[in-house]
Protein backbone atom coordinates (compact mmCIF):
# COMPACT_ATOMS: atom_id res chain seq x y z
CA MET A 1 157.53 120.50 97.90
CA GLY A 2 155.92 119.71 95.04
CA ARG A 3 154.65 122.55 92.66
CA PHE A 4 151.26 124.00 92.11
CA TYR A 5 149.98 124.88 88.63
CA GLY A 6 146.95 126.80 87.47
CA VAL A 7 145.44 125.64 84.31
CA GLY A 8 143.40 128.49 83.57
CA TYR A 9 139.68 128.71 83.71
CA ALA A 10 136.95 126.05 82.13
CA SER A 11 135.95 126.38 78.85
CA TYR A 12 132.52 127.21 80.04
CA CYS A 13 133.57 130.76 81.61
CA ARG A 14 134.31 133.51 78.83
CA PRO A 15 138.19 134.32 78.13
CA ARG A 16 136.87 138.27 78.38
CA LEU A 17 135.18 137.46 81.78
CA VAL A 18 138.68 136.27 82.82
CA TRP A 19 140.46 139.09 81.75
CA GLN A 20 138.04 141.56 83.03
CA THR A 21 138.64 140.26 86.37
CA ASN A 22 142.48 140.21 86.37
CA TYR A 23 141.83 143.87 85.08
CA PHE A 24 139.73 145.12 87.83
CA GLY A 25 142.02 143.54 90.26
CA ARG A 26 145.17 145.62 89.12
CA LEU A 27 142.97 148.38 88.77
CA SER A 28 142.26 147.76 92.94
CA THR A 29 145.82 147.89 93.64
CA SER A 30 147.36 150.05 91.40
CA ALA A 31 144.94 153.01 90.29
CA THR A 32 143.87 156.39 92.00
CA ALA A 33 140.03 156.40 91.57
CA THR A 34 137.59 158.76 92.26
CA PRO A 35 134.35 157.92 94.82
CA SER A 36 132.57 157.65 92.23
CA GLN A 37 134.59 155.58 90.14
CA SER A 38 135.36 153.45 93.13
CA GLY A 39 131.40 152.82 93.73
CA ALA A 40 131.31 151.62 89.57
CA HIS A 41 134.47 149.83 90.37
CA ASN A 42 133.21 148.00 93.58
CA TYR A 43 130.18 147.35 92.27
CA ILE A 44 131.07 145.97 88.74
CA ARG A 45 134.02 143.73 91.02
CA SER A 46 131.38 142.43 92.82
CA ALA A 47 128.89 141.27 90.03
CA ILE A 48 131.99 139.29 88.36
CA ASP A 49 133.10 138.00 91.84
CA ARG A 50 129.54 136.55 92.13
CA LEU A 51 129.51 135.11 88.29
CA LEU A 52 133.22 133.43 89.13
CA LEU A 53 131.34 131.35 91.63
CA TYR A 54 129.32 129.78 88.58
CA CYS A 55 133.16 129.18 87.14
CA MET A 56 135.48 126.49 87.77
CA ASN A 57 139.25 127.28 87.49
CA SER A 58 141.50 123.56 86.93
CA LEU A 59 144.30 123.41 88.78
CA ARG A 60 147.67 120.93 89.11
CA PHE A 61 149.57 119.92 92.39
CA GLU A 62 152.91 118.31 91.90
CA THR A 63 153.08 115.68 94.97
CA GLU A 64 156.21 113.98 94.29
CA PRO A 65 158.33 114.35 91.26
CA GLY A 66 157.13 114.15 87.90
CA PHE A 67 153.20 112.80 89.32
CA PHE A 68 150.67 115.42 89.12
CA ILE A 69 146.76 115.51 91.22
CA THR A 70 144.08 117.39 89.24
CA ALA A 71 141.92 119.56 90.85
CA ASP A 72 139.08 121.84 90.24
CA ALA A 73 138.35 125.06 92.41
CA TRP A 74 135.65 127.73 92.95
CA GLY A 75 135.14 130.92 95.01
CA ASP A 76 138.10 133.46 95.49
CA PRO A 77 141.60 131.82 96.54
CA ALA A 78 141.53 134.21 98.98
CA ASN A 79 138.78 132.91 100.89
CA PRO A 80 139.48 129.70 103.51
CA PRO A 81 139.74 126.30 101.64
CA VAL A 82 138.14 123.23 101.67
CA LEU A 83 139.60 120.27 100.30
CA LEU A 84 137.02 117.87 98.98
CA LEU A 85 138.15 114.32 98.86
CA HIS A 86 136.32 111.45 96.93
CA GLY A 87 135.51 108.69 97.31
CA GLY A 88 137.12 105.14 96.20
CA GLY A 89 136.32 104.53 92.64
CA GLN A 90 134.76 107.85 92.06
CA THR A 91 136.51 111.61 90.36
CA ARG A 92 136.46 115.12 91.53
CA HIS A 93 132.96 115.12 89.56
CA SER A 94 131.26 113.09 92.42
CA TRP A 95 130.19 116.29 94.67
CA GLY A 96 127.38 117.56 92.67
CA ASP A 97 126.88 121.04 93.65
CA THR A 98 128.72 121.20 96.99
CA ALA A 99 131.80 123.14 95.63
CA ARG A 100 129.80 125.75 94.42
CA TRP A 101 127.59 126.08 97.16
CA LEU A 102 130.33 126.06 99.48
CA ALA A 103 132.26 128.97 97.39
CA ASP A 104 128.76 130.49 97.72
CA ALA A 105 129.24 130.84 101.28
CA GLY A 106 132.53 132.52 101.47
CA TRP A 107 134.81 129.51 100.99
CA TYR A 108 137.40 128.71 98.13
CA ALA A 109 136.30 125.02 97.68
CA ILE A 110 139.30 122.32 95.46
CA ALA A 111 137.54 118.92 94.68
CA LEU A 112 140.80 116.70 93.97
CA ASP A 113 140.96 113.75 91.79
CA ALA A 114 143.37 111.12 94.32
CA ARG A 115 145.50 109.88 92.34
CA GLY A 116 145.02 106.67 89.64
CA HIS A 117 141.58 108.72 89.58
CA GLY A 118 140.02 110.86 87.08
CA ASP A 119 142.59 113.24 85.33
CA SER A 120 145.46 112.62 87.98
CA ASP A 121 148.27 110.46 87.42
CA TRP A 122 148.05 106.45 87.59
CA SER A 123 151.04 104.94 89.69
CA PRO A 124 152.43 102.29 87.27
CA GLU A 125 154.11 100.22 90.29
CA GLY A 126 150.24 100.44 91.35
CA HIS A 127 151.12 102.61 94.43
CA TYR A 128 147.21 103.24 95.79
CA THR A 129 147.60 102.12 99.60
CA ILE A 130 146.22 104.78 101.73
CA ASP A 131 150.09 106.01 102.98
CA TYR A 132 150.48 107.08 99.29
CA LEU A 133 147.20 109.01 99.42
CA ALA A 134 148.06 110.98 102.71
CA SER A 135 151.39 111.50 101.07
CA ASP A 136 149.68 113.22 98.28
CA LEU A 137 147.39 115.01 100.38
CA ARG A 138 150.41 116.41 102.50
CA ALA A 139 151.94 117.83 99.90
CA VAL A 140 148.53 119.33 98.03
CA ILE A 141 148.37 121.28 101.87
CA ALA A 142 151.76 122.61 101.60
CA GLN A 143 151.23 124.18 98.72
CA LEU A 144 148.37 125.84 99.72
CA ASP A 145 148.29 129.41 101.34
CA GLN A 146 145.89 128.66 104.12
CA LYS A 147 145.41 125.78 106.12
CA PRO A 148 142.33 123.97 104.56
CA ALA A 149 139.49 122.00 106.09
CA LEU A 150 138.89 118.45 104.70
CA VAL A 151 135.71 116.97 103.39
CA GLY A 152 136.48 112.85 102.80
CA ALA A 153 133.91 110.57 101.50
CA SER A 154 134.97 107.03 102.21
CA MET A 155 138.50 106.64 100.77
CA GLY A 156 138.95 110.40 101.07
CA GLY A 157 137.59 110.17 104.42
CA MET A 158 140.56 107.75 105.66
CA THR A 159 143.06 109.85 103.80
CA ALA A 160 142.33 112.64 105.83
CA LEU A 161 142.22 110.78 109.11
CA ILE A 162 145.91 109.20 108.10
CA ALA A 163 147.01 112.40 106.77
CA GLU A 164 146.19 114.42 110.14
CA GLY A 165 145.96 111.57 112.79
CA GLU A 166 149.52 110.68 112.21
CA ARG A 167 151.33 113.85 111.99
CA LEU A 168 154.64 113.93 113.86
CA PRO A 169 154.20 114.24 117.60
CA GLY A 170 154.87 118.37 118.17
CA THR A 171 153.75 119.42 114.77
CA GLU A 172 150.93 121.67 113.58
CA SER A 173 147.78 120.18 112.61
CA ILE A 174 147.65 120.34 108.97
CA CYS A 175 144.23 121.46 108.49
CA THR A 176 141.40 123.34 110.41
CA ALA A 177 138.78 120.83 110.34
CA ILE A 178 137.63 117.25 109.25
CA VAL A 179 134.45 116.13 108.08
CA LEU A 180 134.23 112.29 107.58
CA VAL A 181 131.61 111.25 105.01
CA ASP A 182 130.04 108.29 105.87
CA ILE A 183 133.26 106.51 106.85
CA ALA A 184 134.78 105.40 110.31
CA PRO A 185 137.71 103.26 111.53
CA ARG A 186 135.39 100.32 111.64
CA THR A 187 132.91 99.71 108.94
CA GLU A 188 130.53 97.00 108.01
CA GLN A 189 131.99 94.54 105.89
CA LYS A 190 128.50 93.79 103.51
CA GLY A 191 128.54 97.01 102.56
CA ILE A 192 132.14 96.72 101.66
CA GLU A 193 131.68 94.11 99.88
CA ARG A 194 128.86 95.42 97.69
CA ILE A 195 130.96 98.17 96.79
CA PHE A 196 133.83 95.85 95.82
CA ALA A 197 131.16 93.73 93.61
CA PHE A 198 129.84 96.80 91.64
CA MET A 199 133.49 98.21 90.74
CA SER A 200 134.56 94.10 89.91
CA ASN A 201 131.61 93.28 87.96
CA ASN A 202 132.10 96.37 85.58
CA GLN A 203 135.89 96.31 84.40
CA ASP A 204 134.41 95.57 80.97
CA GLY A 205 133.06 99.02 80.57
CA PHE A 206 129.33 99.85 79.37
CA ALA A 207 128.17 99.87 75.60
CA SER A 208 126.75 103.08 76.25
CA LEU A 209 125.97 105.96 78.76
CA ASN A 210 122.14 104.54 79.62
CA GLU A 211 123.72 101.06 80.49
CA ALA A 212 126.16 102.41 82.72
CA ALA A 213 123.59 104.74 84.29
CA GLU A 214 121.13 101.41 84.45
CA ALA A 215 123.98 99.37 86.48
CA VAL A 216 124.43 102.96 88.67
CA ALA A 217 120.49 102.16 89.46
CA ALA A 218 120.64 98.63 90.01
CA TYR A 219 123.55 100.00 92.73
CA LEU A 220 121.73 102.58 94.06
CA PRO A 221 117.77 101.35 94.05
CA HIS A 222 116.67 104.04 96.31
CA ARG A 223 118.13 107.17 94.60
CA SER A 224 116.01 108.84 91.80
CA ARG A 225 117.35 107.91 88.77
CA PRO A 226 118.83 111.67 86.91
CA SER A 227 116.89 112.96 83.96
CA ASP A 228 120.07 112.72 82.34
CA ASN A 229 123.38 111.29 82.17
CA SER A 230 125.79 114.38 81.66
CA ARG A 231 126.85 113.98 85.74
CA LEU A 232 127.99 110.73 84.84
CA GLU A 233 129.81 111.22 81.53
CA LYS A 234 132.27 112.59 83.76
CA ASN A 235 133.07 109.97 85.72
CA LEU A 236 133.40 107.60 82.49
CA ARG A 237 136.22 107.87 79.56
CA LEU A 238 134.91 106.46 76.14
CA ARG A 239 137.88 104.31 74.92
CA LYS A 240 138.14 101.11 72.75
CA SER A 241 138.10 97.71 74.27
CA PRO A 242 140.39 94.91 73.65
CA ASP A 243 138.13 93.68 70.49
CA GLY A 244 138.45 97.37 69.01
CA GLU A 245 134.87 98.17 69.99
CA LEU A 246 134.02 101.92 71.81
CA ARG A 247 133.17 101.64 75.20
CA TYR A 248 132.58 103.69 78.12
CA TYR A 249 135.06 102.75 81.50
CA TRP A 250 134.62 103.68 84.43
CA HIS A 251 137.69 106.74 85.14
CA TRP A 252 140.03 104.93 87.90
CA ASP A 253 142.88 102.46 87.60
CA PRO A 254 141.42 98.89 88.00
CA THR A 255 145.05 97.94 89.55
CA MET A 256 143.46 99.56 92.48
CA LEU A 257 141.10 97.08 93.26
CA ALA A 258 143.94 94.16 94.23
CA VAL A 259 145.45 96.65 96.55
CA TRP A 260 142.44 97.69 98.14
CA ARG A 261 141.53 93.86 98.36
CA GLN A 262 144.48 93.38 100.28
CA THR A 263 143.01 95.99 103.42
CA THR A 264 140.07 93.41 103.39
CA ASP A 265 142.10 90.85 104.51
CA PRO A 266 141.02 89.45 107.56
CA SER A 267 144.34 88.97 108.67
CA ARG A 268 145.01 92.78 108.26
CA GLN A 269 141.19 94.10 109.02
CA ILE A 270 142.21 94.61 112.69
CA GLN A 271 145.51 96.12 112.33
CA ASN A 272 143.73 98.73 109.98
CA GLU A 273 140.98 99.52 112.23
CA GLU A 274 143.25 99.82 115.36
CA ARG A 275 145.56 102.63 112.95
CA LEU A 276 142.53 104.04 111.90
CA TYR A 277 141.01 104.68 115.56
CA LYS A 278 144.41 105.52 116.46
CA ALA A 279 144.83 108.23 113.88
CA ALA A 280 140.98 109.26 114.91
CA GLN A 281 141.98 109.24 118.65
CA ALA A 282 144.81 112.25 117.90
CA LEU A 283 142.79 114.52 116.54
CA ILE A 284 142.78 118.05 117.76
CA ILE A 285 140.60 119.49 115.45
CA PRO A 286 137.08 120.04 114.98
CA THR A 287 135.72 116.71 113.37
CA LEU A 288 132.70 115.93 111.87
CA ILE A 289 130.89 112.51 110.77
CA VAL A 290 128.07 112.54 108.06
CA ARG A 291 126.56 109.28 108.05
CA GLY A 292 124.08 108.23 105.34
CA GLY A 293 120.51 107.48 107.11
CA ILE A 294 120.72 104.41 105.33
CA SER A 295 124.08 103.55 104.95
CA ASP A 296 125.11 99.71 104.97
CA VAL A 297 128.79 100.82 105.40
CA VAL A 298 128.72 103.15 108.45
CA SER A 299 125.26 101.36 110.32
CA GLU A 300 123.78 103.13 113.71
CA LYS A 301 125.95 100.54 115.59
CA VAL A 302 129.09 101.62 114.06
CA MET A 303 128.79 105.37 114.41
CA ALA A 304 127.59 104.61 118.12
CA GLU A 305 131.24 102.71 118.68
CA PHE A 306 133.54 105.46 116.94
CA LEU A 307 131.49 107.95 118.75
CA ASP A 308 132.22 106.17 122.26
CA ALA A 309 135.23 105.93 121.09
CA VAL A 310 136.24 109.20 119.98
CA PRO A 311 133.88 111.51 122.18
CA HIS A 312 135.01 115.16 120.84
CA VAL A 313 133.82 113.96 117.07
CA HIS A 314 130.26 115.67 116.11
CA SER A 315 128.06 113.79 113.97
CA VAL A 316 124.89 114.50 111.65
CA SER A 317 122.80 111.49 109.51
CA VAL A 318 121.33 112.85 106.27
CA ALA A 319 117.68 110.84 106.03
CA ASN A 320 117.14 108.51 103.07
CA ALA A 321 121.14 108.52 101.62
CA GLY A 322 123.14 105.71 101.32
CA HIS A 323 126.99 105.38 101.77
CA MET A 324 127.07 107.95 99.03
CA VAL A 325 125.70 110.54 100.44
CA ALA A 326 126.45 113.83 98.59
CA GLY A 327 125.08 111.56 95.49
CA ASP A 328 121.84 110.81 97.24
CA SER A 329 121.06 114.11 99.34
CA ASN A 330 123.39 116.70 97.56
CA HIS A 331 121.54 120.00 99.39
CA ALA A 332 121.03 117.95 102.71
CA PHE A 333 124.82 116.58 102.53
CA THR A 334 125.98 120.58 101.84
CA LYS A 335 123.80 122.31 104.04
CA ALA A 336 125.26 119.78 107.04
CA VAL A 337 128.95 120.79 106.33
CA ILE A 338 128.43 124.26 105.55
CA GLU A 339 127.12 124.49 108.64
CA PHE A 340 129.33 122.86 110.82
CA LEU A 341 132.52 124.87 109.19
CA THR A 342 130.87 127.98 109.54
CA SER A 343 130.37 127.72 113.51
CA GLU A 344 133.51 126.39 113.59
CA ARG A 345 134.90 129.65 111.91
CA THR A 346 133.27 131.43 114.24
CA LYS A 347 134.76 129.93 117.38
CA GLU A 348 138.63 131.26 115.67
């Protein structure tokens, strides 16, 4: 089992606020208070807990010796955890306000950077197959105090499927529920090729944030362009190009493209689909698939095939959202996730 590290609160959370929270936490377990003091203490603690919903705690998980996965967490660690697993070429910053809203709804939301993405370690050996991703996920879950629900977009959804669906016979589920975000065992090849084209065409980086924003706008013409690029900037890193020019690059290891290309080879595609279907049919926990209403990766036909093959899976479509559902319609997406997770939790 790996090791888990808390790395403190984000810079925008005041150090004093963190100290106060710890201080009142100690009071609640070690001090004997009068009724009036208890009332004041509970009021202050409640106010601080509400404030902490808007604070982010950075975490590090060791998933194999010397290899670390970075995460951000929102909410009370005592609450039921939800792991947010982003799609390929994205980072933990791709979820918009989903994590904060989950925390506000009573969950402990943890957004992970997958290996080779963002601030998680990159593999010098190019170990980016689904098996390595699933192994990382299992290692992270093993370090949590409670079984989490899993919300996985695209690559993250496949990771969740394999990690849970291929558990050893006779072993417990590693999670309480799974939400698959615009991903199914079979996908539309045209949509997958469009993703690869976008990722491949921009490996030389961008001269400015605005240039990167224009590339995203061209790739996602149905999405309203944000008024500022602050969130986009979190998925980029400024570094020198081979000719010494400072440019913005996507914050993921380009080695992954070659590894992933192998999975789309026709000789392996059917094998991969069969593996994912088998994993999905082995699921014994509540499962929801959230499809983007205008997705070119999971079409209505693809989702219907999936639901026919795995009839215990629930489904919902988010209108006017493409493959990147959480980014296209963050509020509607998050509402669907919270409603599903909450309804399943009340059945326990």
